Amino acid sequence: MEFKTTKRDLQEVFASIQSQVEEANLPDEATVNRLVRLARKLHQLAEDAWVDEAEDFSHLSGQLLNAVKKGDVEGCVMLVESLDAAQTFCHRTFRE
């Protein structure tokens, strides 16, 4: 149950960040902080089969937070695209 709740919350937060970036805005730091916390939690809950993908997503989330703190909008856009690709790959490869 904790996994599904964490995954749902993570997807909602990520969707919010994606919408901010699509409008060429710097994502809100508090929202990105929440993404990082949820990504780390998901990594802790990950099964062996997809733990590497969860770790990648968590790492990219941390890089996104650093880009937000530096005010790097272009970097944020690229990292959100990378996060989206990582999420898509994981969902396509590993189904619940």
Protein backbone atom coordinates (compact mmCIF):
# COMPACT_ATOMS: atom_id res chain seq x y z
CA MET A 1 0.00 0.00 0.00
CA GLU A 2 2.81 2.41 0.86
CA PHE A 3 4.35 1.81 -2.56
CA LYS A 4 1.16 2.69 -4.44
CA THR A 5 0.59 5.82 -2.36
CA THR A 6 4.19 6.95 -2.85
CA LYS A 7 4.04 6.26 -6.59
CA ARG A 8 0.75 8.17 -6.95
CA ASP A 9 2.07 11.14 -4.97
CA LEU A 10 5.29 11.11 -7.00
CA GLN A 11 3.38 11.13 -10.28
CA GLU A 12 1.21 14.05 -9.13
CA VAL A 13 4.20 16.11 -8.03
CA PHE A 14 6.10 15.31 -11.22
CA ALA A 15 3.10 16.29 -13.37
CA SER A 16 2.99 19.64 -11.56
CA ILE A 17 6.68 20.20 -12.26
CA GLN A 18 6.24 19.21 -15.90
CA SER A 19 3.47 21.78 -16.35
CA GLN A 20 5.64 24.51 -14.84
CA VAL A 21 8.54 23.63 -17.14
CA GLU A 22 6.32 23.38 -20.23
CA GLU A 23 5.52 27.05 -19.70
CA ALA A 24 9.28 27.79 -19.51
CA ASN A 25 9.07 28.55 -15.81
CA LEU A 26 11.55 27.51 -13.17
CA PRO A 27 9.88 24.83 -11.06
CA ASP A 28 8.97 25.75 -7.51
CA GLU A 29 11.81 24.68 -5.19
CA ALA A 30 9.45 23.30 -2.53
CA THR A 31 7.73 21.11 -5.12
CA VAL A 32 11.05 19.81 -6.42
CA ASN A 33 12.14 19.10 -2.84
CA ARG A 34 8.99 17.01 -2.43
CA LEU A 35 9.81 15.18 -5.67
CA VAL A 36 13.29 14.36 -4.36
CA ARG A 37 11.90 13.05 -1.07
CA LEU A 38 9.30 10.89 -2.83
CA ALA A 39 11.84 9.58 -5.35
CA ARG A 40 14.17 8.57 -2.52
CA LYS A 41 11.32 6.87 -0.72
CA LEU A 42 10.32 5.00 -3.89
CA HIS A 43 13.93 3.91 -4.29
CA GLN A 44 13.86 2.49 -0.76
CA LEU A 45 10.65 0.59 -1.57
CA ALA A 46 11.91 -0.66 -4.94
CA GLU A 47 12.06 -4.32 -5.77
CA ASP A 48 15.35 -5.78 -6.96
CA ALA A 49 14.08 -5.99 -10.54
CA TRP A 50 13.80 -2.21 -10.92
CA VAL A 51 15.90 -0.77 -8.12
CA ASP A 52 18.45 0.61 -10.63
CA GLU A 53 15.74 2.53 -12.50
CA ALA A 54 14.42 3.94 -9.22
CA GLU A 55 17.94 4.99 -8.29
CA ASP A 56 18.38 6.75 -11.64
CA PHE A 57 15.10 8.63 -11.16
CA SER A 58 16.13 9.63 -7.65
CA HIS A 59 19.53 10.84 -8.88
CA LEU A 60 17.96 12.88 -11.70
CA SER A 61 15.53 14.40 -9.19
CA GLY A 62 18.48 15.55 -7.09
CA GLN A 63 20.11 17.09 -10.16
CA LEU A 64 16.84 18.89 -10.92
CA LEU A 65 16.84 20.35 -7.40
CA ASN A 66 20.39 21.62 -7.92
CA ALA A 67 19.38 23.21 -11.24
CA VAL A 68 16.41 24.92 -9.57
CA LYS A 69 18.64 26.28 -6.81
CA LYS A 70 20.99 27.70 -9.47
CA GLY A 71 18.09 29.24 -11.42
CA ASP A 72 19.02 27.19 -14.51
CA VAL A 73 15.78 27.05 -16.50
CA GLU A 74 17.39 25.36 -19.51
CA GLY A 75 18.95 22.70 -17.29
CA CYS A 76 15.58 22.15 -15.61
CA VAL A 77 13.90 21.60 -18.96
CA MET A 78 16.52 19.02 -19.97
CA LEU A 79 16.33 17.24 -16.61
CA VAL A 80 12.53 17.10 -16.64
CA GLU A 81 12.75 15.56 -20.12
CA SER A 82 15.27 13.02 -18.78
CA LEU A 83 13.03 12.26 -15.81
CA ASP A 84 10.08 11.77 -18.13
CA ALA A 85 12.08 9.38 -20.32
CA ALA A 86 13.27 7.44 -17.26
CA GLN A 87 9.73 7.18 -15.94
CA THR A 88 8.37 6.05 -19.31
CA PHE A 89 11.09 3.43 -19.67
CA CYS A 90 10.48 2.09 -16.18
CA HIS A 91 6.70 1.94 -16.62
CA ARG A 92 7.04 0.26 -20.00
CA THR A 93 9.58 -2.27 -18.75
CA PHE A 94 8.25 -3.06 -15.28
CA ARG A 95 4.53 -3.30 -14.67
CA GLU A 96 3.05 -3.48 -11.19
